[in-house]
Amino acid sequence: MIIRQRDIVEIAFYTGNKPEPHPAVVISNDAIFEAEGFFYAILLSTKNLFPEFTIEITSAMINSPRNNRNGYAVCHMIQQFYSEDVISRTGATLKIEAFKPLTDKVKEAIFA
């Protein structure tokens, strides 16, 4: 299975003591996946538990959204995954114009 930057996938994220299925957006570039076989993804959630570390993701920001619910990219929750870790693919991707604000928020949340 090929994973691309901006893909939205369902994956088991470690959010505490055990992995829990969550949607996630792939943030690493395609070259990492092609060379190493892994990718980095950010947790997507319907809850805004850490507003200082999140950015709202609306259905208008997604190509082929599965539903019309708004959610949040939890920008400090980044993990490494392999294609076999993917539970399902939604067929949805984050639109190009929404990706830069997301990566800017990741940089702010982690490196500022």
N, C-alpha and C. Protein backbone atom coordinates (compact mmCIF):
# COMPACT_ATOMS: atom_id res chain seq x y z
N MET A 1 0.85 -1.18 0.00
CA MET A 1 0.00 0.00 0.00
C MET A 1 0.90 1.24 0.00
N ILE A 2 0.65 2.12 -0.92
CA ILE A 2 1.41 3.36 -1.01
C ILE A 2 0.72 4.43 -0.17
N ILE A 3 1.50 5.10 0.64
CA ILE A 3 1.00 6.17 1.50
C ILE A 3 1.59 7.48 0.99
N ARG A 4 0.77 8.48 0.88
CA ARG A 4 1.20 9.78 0.36
C ARG A 4 0.97 10.88 1.40
N GLN A 5 1.79 11.92 1.29
CA GLN A 5 1.60 13.10 2.13
C GLN A 5 0.19 13.63 1.92
N ARG A 6 -0.47 14.03 2.99
CA ARG A 6 -1.82 14.60 3.05
C ARG A 6 -2.91 13.54 3.07
N ASP A 7 -2.56 12.23 2.91
CA ASP A 7 -3.58 11.17 3.02
C ASP A 7 -4.16 11.16 4.42
N ILE A 8 -5.42 10.83 4.52
CA ILE A 8 -6.06 10.62 5.82
C ILE A 8 -6.32 9.13 5.93
N VAL A 9 -5.76 8.54 6.98
CA VAL A 9 -5.86 7.10 7.21
C VAL A 9 -6.36 6.85 8.62
N GLU A 10 -6.91 5.66 8.83
CA GLU A 10 -7.24 5.25 10.20
C GLU A 10 -6.10 4.37 10.68
N ILE A 11 -5.63 4.66 11.87
CA ILE A 11 -4.44 4.00 12.39
C ILE A 11 -4.54 3.88 13.91
N ALA A 12 -3.84 2.93 14.49
CA ALA A 12 -3.85 2.79 15.95
C ALA A 12 -2.79 3.72 16.54
N PHE A 13 -3.25 4.79 17.15
CA PHE A 13 -2.38 5.80 17.75
C PHE A 13 -2.20 5.49 19.23
N TYR A 14 -0.98 5.63 19.72
CA TYR A 14 -0.73 5.49 21.16
C TYR A 14 -1.04 6.82 21.82
N THR A 15 -2.18 6.90 22.49
CA THR A 15 -2.60 8.14 23.14
C THR A 15 -2.52 8.02 24.66
N GLY A 16 -2.08 6.90 25.13
CA GLY A 16 -2.00 6.65 26.57
C GLY A 16 -1.34 5.30 26.77
N ASN A 17 -2.04 4.40 27.44
CA ASN A 17 -1.48 3.09 27.75
C ASN A 17 -1.59 2.08 26.62
N LYS A 18 -2.52 2.30 25.70
CA LYS A 18 -2.74 1.32 24.63
C LYS A 18 -3.09 2.05 23.34
N PRO A 19 -2.86 1.39 22.21
CA PRO A 19 -3.22 2.03 20.94
C PRO A 19 -4.73 2.10 20.77
N GLU A 20 -5.19 3.21 20.20
CA GLU A 20 -6.61 3.41 19.94
C GLU A 20 -6.78 3.83 18.48
N PRO A 21 -7.73 3.23 17.76
CA PRO A 21 -7.95 3.63 16.37
C PRO A 21 -8.39 5.09 16.27
N HIS A 22 -7.72 5.83 15.41
CA HIS A 22 -8.02 7.24 15.17
C HIS A 22 -7.71 7.56 13.72
N PRO A 23 -8.41 8.53 13.16
CA PRO A 23 -7.95 9.04 11.87
C PRO A 23 -6.68 9.85 12.10
N ALA A 24 -5.88 9.92 11.07
CA ALA A 24 -4.62 10.67 11.13
C ALA A 24 -4.31 11.20 9.74
N VAL A 25 -3.58 12.30 9.71
CA VAL A 25 -3.16 12.87 8.43
C VAL A 25 -1.65 12.67 8.29
N VAL A 26 -1.24 12.16 7.13
CA VAL A 26 0.17 11.91 6.85
C VAL A 26 0.86 13.25 6.59
N ILE A 27 1.92 13.52 7.34
CA ILE A 27 2.62 14.80 7.17
C ILE A 27 4.00 14.65 6.54
N SER A 28 4.58 13.46 6.59
CA SER A 28 5.92 13.30 6.02
C SER A 28 5.85 13.31 4.50
N ASN A 29 6.98 13.67 3.90
CA ASN A 29 6.98 13.73 2.44
C ASN A 29 7.07 12.33 1.84
N ASP A 30 6.68 12.23 0.58
CA ASP A 30 6.61 10.94 -0.09
C ASP A 30 7.97 10.25 -0.19
N ALA A 31 9.05 11.02 -0.27
CA ALA A 31 10.39 10.44 -0.39
C ALA A 31 10.76 9.59 0.82
N ILE A 32 10.31 9.99 2.00
CA ILE A 32 10.59 9.20 3.22
C ILE A 32 9.94 7.82 3.10
N PHE A 33 8.68 7.80 2.69
CA PHE A 33 7.99 6.52 2.54
C PHE A 33 8.65 5.66 1.46
N GLU A 34 9.00 6.27 0.35
CA GLU A 34 9.61 5.52 -0.75
C GLU A 34 10.98 4.96 -0.37
N ALA A 35 11.76 5.71 0.41
CA ALA A 35 13.11 5.27 0.79
C ALA A 35 13.11 4.34 2.00
N GLU A 36 12.27 4.64 2.99
CA GLU A 36 12.33 3.93 4.26
C GLU A 36 11.15 3.00 4.54
N GLY A 37 10.03 3.23 3.84
CA GLY A 37 8.86 2.38 4.06
C GLY A 37 8.02 2.78 5.25
N PHE A 38 8.31 3.92 5.85
CA PHE A 38 7.48 4.40 6.95
C PHE A 38 7.06 5.83 6.68
N PHE A 39 6.12 6.32 7.51
CA PHE A 39 5.64 7.69 7.37
C PHE A 39 5.31 8.24 8.75
N TYR A 40 5.18 9.56 8.83
CA TYR A 40 4.78 10.23 10.05
C TYR A 40 3.38 10.78 9.87
N ALA A 41 2.57 10.66 10.92
CA ALA A 41 1.19 11.13 10.86
C ALA A 41 0.82 11.84 12.14
N ILE A 42 -0.15 12.75 12.00
CA ILE A 42 -0.68 13.53 13.12
C ILE A 42 -2.07 13.03 13.45
N LEU A 43 -2.34 12.90 14.72
CA LEU A 43 -3.64 12.47 15.22
C LEU A 43 -4.73 13.48 14.84
N LEU A 44 -5.87 12.98 14.39
CA LEU A 44 -7.06 13.80 14.18
C LEU A 44 -8.08 13.39 15.24
N SER A 45 -8.76 14.36 15.80
CA SER A 45 -9.71 14.10 16.88
C SER A 45 -10.92 15.01 16.76
N THR A 46 -12.04 14.57 17.29
CA THR A 46 -13.22 15.43 17.35
C THR A 46 -13.19 16.30 18.59
N LYS A 47 -12.27 15.98 19.52
CA LYS A 47 -12.16 16.73 20.78
C LYS A 47 -10.99 17.70 20.71
N ASN A 48 -11.19 18.87 21.27
CA ASN A 48 -10.14 19.88 21.31
C ASN A 48 -9.60 19.98 22.75
N LEU A 49 -8.93 18.91 23.18
CA LEU A 49 -8.45 18.83 24.55
C LEU A 49 -7.25 19.74 24.83
N PHE A 50 -6.46 20.01 23.81
CA PHE A 50 -5.26 20.82 23.96
C PHE A 50 -5.29 21.95 22.94
N PRO A 51 -6.14 22.97 23.14
CA PRO A 51 -6.32 24.01 22.12
C PRO A 51 -5.03 24.72 21.71
N GLU A 52 -4.06 24.79 22.61
CA GLU A 52 -2.81 25.46 22.27
C GLU A 52 -1.98 24.65 21.26
N PHE A 53 -2.32 23.38 21.09
CA PHE A 53 -1.56 22.51 20.18
C PHE A 53 -2.38 22.02 18.99
N THR A 54 -3.58 22.54 18.81
CA THR A 54 -4.45 22.03 17.74
C THR A 54 -4.74 23.09 16.68
N ILE A 55 -5.20 22.59 15.56
CA ILE A 55 -5.72 23.43 14.49
C ILE A 55 -7.01 22.75 14.02
N GLU A 56 -8.04 23.55 13.82
CA GLU A 56 -9.32 22.99 13.40
C GLU A 56 -9.22 22.50 11.95
N ILE A 57 -9.79 21.36 11.71
CA ILE A 57 -9.88 20.78 10.38
C ILE A 57 -11.37 20.67 10.04
N THR A 58 -11.80 21.39 9.02
CA THR A 58 -13.20 21.37 8.60
C THR A 58 -13.34 20.45 7.39
N SER A 59 -14.57 20.05 7.11
CA SER A 59 -14.80 19.19 5.95
C SER A 59 -14.42 19.91 4.65
N ALA A 60 -14.49 21.25 4.64
CA ALA A 60 -14.11 22.01 3.45
C ALA A 60 -12.60 21.93 3.17
N MET A 61 -11.81 21.50 4.15
CA MET A 61 -10.36 21.40 4.00
C MET A 61 -9.93 20.03 3.48
N ILE A 62 -10.91 19.14 3.26
CA ILE A 62 -10.62 17.75 2.91
C ILE A 62 -11.23 17.41 1.55
N ASN A 63 -10.43 16.77 0.71
CA ASN A 63 -10.94 16.21 -0.53
C ASN A 63 -11.66 14.91 -0.19
N SER A 64 -12.88 14.75 -0.61
CA SER A 64 -13.69 13.54 -0.36
C SER A 64 -13.85 13.23 1.13
N PRO A 65 -14.37 14.17 1.90
CA PRO A 65 -14.54 13.89 3.34
C PRO A 65 -15.55 12.77 3.56
N ARG A 66 -15.35 11.99 4.62
CA ARG A 66 -16.26 10.89 4.96
C ARG A 66 -17.54 11.40 5.60
N ASN A 67 -17.45 12.56 6.25
CA ASN A 67 -18.62 13.14 6.90
C ASN A 67 -18.42 14.66 6.96
N ASN A 68 -19.38 15.34 7.51
CA ASN A 68 -19.30 16.80 7.59
C ASN A 68 -18.92 17.31 8.97
N ARG A 69 -18.41 16.43 9.83
CA ARG A 69 -17.99 16.84 11.17
C ARG A 69 -16.66 17.56 11.12
N ASN A 70 -16.56 18.63 11.87
CA ASN A 70 -15.28 19.30 12.03
C ASN A 70 -14.49 18.58 13.11
N GLY A 71 -13.19 18.70 13.04
CA GLY A 71 -12.34 18.07 14.03
C GLY A 71 -11.09 18.90 14.22
N TYR A 72 -10.10 18.29 14.82
CA TYR A 72 -8.86 18.99 15.15
C TYR A 72 -7.66 18.10 14.85
N ALA A 73 -6.64 18.71 14.28
CA ALA A 73 -5.35 18.05 14.15
C ALA A 73 -4.59 18.36 15.44
N VAL A 74 -4.19 17.32 16.13
CA VAL A 74 -3.50 17.47 17.41
C VAL A 74 -2.00 17.48 17.07
N CYS A 75 -1.48 18.68 16.87
CA CYS A 75 -0.20 18.89 16.22
C CYS A 75 1.02 18.44 17.02
N HIS A 76 0.87 18.17 18.28
CA HIS A 76 2.01 17.67 19.06
C HIS A 76 2.00 16.15 19.15
N MET A 77 0.99 15.51 18.56
CA MET A 77 0.91 14.04 18.59
C MET A 77 1.26 13.50 17.22
N ILE A 78 2.55 13.33 17.01
CA ILE A 78 3.10 12.82 15.76
C ILE A 78 3.76 11.49 16.06
N GLN A 79 3.45 10.50 15.24
CA GLN A 79 4.06 9.19 15.43
C GLN A 79 4.48 8.61 14.08
N GLN A 80 5.40 7.67 14.15
CA GLN A 80 5.90 6.97 12.97
C GLN A 80 5.10 5.69 12.78
N PHE A 81 4.76 5.40 11.53
CA PHE A 81 3.98 4.22 11.20
C PHE A 81 4.50 3.57 9.92
N TYR A 82 4.11 2.32 9.72
CA TYR A 82 4.38 1.58 8.50
C TYR A 82 3.05 1.30 7.80
N SER A 83 3.09 0.98 6.53
CA SER A 83 1.84 0.77 5.80
C SER A 83 1.00 -0.34 6.42
N GLU A 84 1.63 -1.35 6.99
CA GLU A 84 0.87 -2.44 7.62
C GLU A 84 0.16 -1.99 8.91
N ASP A 85 0.50 -0.82 9.43
CA ASP A 85 -0.18 -0.27 10.60
C ASP A 85 -1.52 0.38 10.25
N VAL A 86 -1.74 0.64 8.97
CA VAL A 86 -2.97 1.30 8.54
C VAL A 86 -4.14 0.34 8.67
N ILE A 87 -5.15 0.76 9.42
CA ILE A 87 -6.36 -0.04 9.60
C ILE A 87 -7.25 0.08 8.38
N SER A 88 -7.43 1.32 7.92
CA SER A 88 -8.20 1.55 6.70
C SER A 88 -7.79 2.87 6.09
N ARG A 89 -8.07 2.98 4.81
CA ARG A 89 -7.86 4.23 4.08
C ARG A 89 -9.22 4.82 3.81
N THR A 90 -9.33 6.09 4.05
CA THR A 90 -10.63 6.74 3.86
C THR A 90 -10.83 7.19 2.42
N GLY A 91 -9.74 7.30 1.67
CA GLY A 91 -9.82 7.88 0.34
C GLY A 91 -9.79 9.39 0.37
N ALA A 92 -9.76 9.95 1.57
CA ALA A 92 -9.74 11.40 1.75
C ALA A 92 -8.30 11.89 1.87
N THR A 93 -8.10 13.14 1.45
CA THR A 93 -6.81 13.79 1.61
C THR A 93 -7.04 15.23 2.05
N LEU A 94 -6.08 15.75 2.78
CA LEU A 94 -6.13 17.15 3.16
C LEU A 94 -5.79 17.97 1.93
N LYS A 95 -6.56 19.01 1.66
CA LYS A 95 -6.30 19.85 0.49
C LYS A 95 -4.95 20.54 0.63
N ILE A 96 -4.34 20.82 -0.51
CA ILE A 96 -3.01 21.45 -0.53
C ILE A 96 -3.00 22.75 0.25
N GLU A 97 -4.04 23.59 0.05
CA GLU A 97 -4.06 24.90 0.71
C GLU A 97 -4.26 24.79 2.22
N ALA A 98 -4.72 23.65 2.70
CA ALA A 98 -4.89 23.44 4.15
C ALA A 98 -3.64 22.84 4.78
N PHE A 99 -2.76 22.27 3.96
CA PHE A 99 -1.59 21.57 4.49
C PHE A 99 -0.56 22.52 5.09
N LYS A 100 -0.29 23.65 4.45
CA LYS A 100 0.71 24.59 4.98
C LYS A 100 0.32 25.14 6.34
N PRO A 101 -0.93 25.59 6.55
CA PRO A 101 -1.29 26.02 7.91
C PRO A 101 -1.12 24.91 8.95
N LEU A 102 -1.38 23.67 8.54
CA LEU A 102 -1.19 22.54 9.45
C LEU A 102 0.28 22.38 9.81
N THR A 103 1.15 22.37 8.82
CA THR A 103 2.58 22.20 9.13
C THR A 103 3.14 23.40 9.88
N ASP A 104 2.61 24.58 9.61
CA ASP A 104 3.03 25.76 10.39
C ASP A 104 2.65 25.59 11.86
N LYS A 105 1.46 25.05 12.11
CA LYS A 105 1.01 24.84 13.49
C LYS A 105 1.85 23.75 14.17
N VAL A 106 2.24 22.72 13.42
CA VAL A 106 3.13 21.70 13.98
C VAL A 106 4.45 22.32 14.41
N LYS A 107 5.01 23.13 13.55
CA LYS A 107 6.28 23.80 13.89
C LYS A 107 6.12 24.67 15.13
N GLU A 108 5.03 25.41 15.19
CA GLU A 108 4.77 26.28 16.34
C GLU A 108 4.60 25.45 17.61
N ALA A 109 3.84 24.37 17.53
CA ALA A 109 3.55 23.55 18.71
C ALA A 109 4.79 22.84 19.23
N ILE A 110 5.66 22.40 18.34
CA ILE A 110 6.79 21.58 18.76
C ILE A 110 8.08 22.37 18.92
N PHE A 111 8.33 23.33 18.02
CA PHE A 111 9.64 23.97 17.99
C PHE A 111 9.67 25.40 18.52
N ALA A 112 8.53 26.00 18.77
CA ALA A 112 8.53 27.41 19.22
C ALA A 112 8.87 27.52 20.69
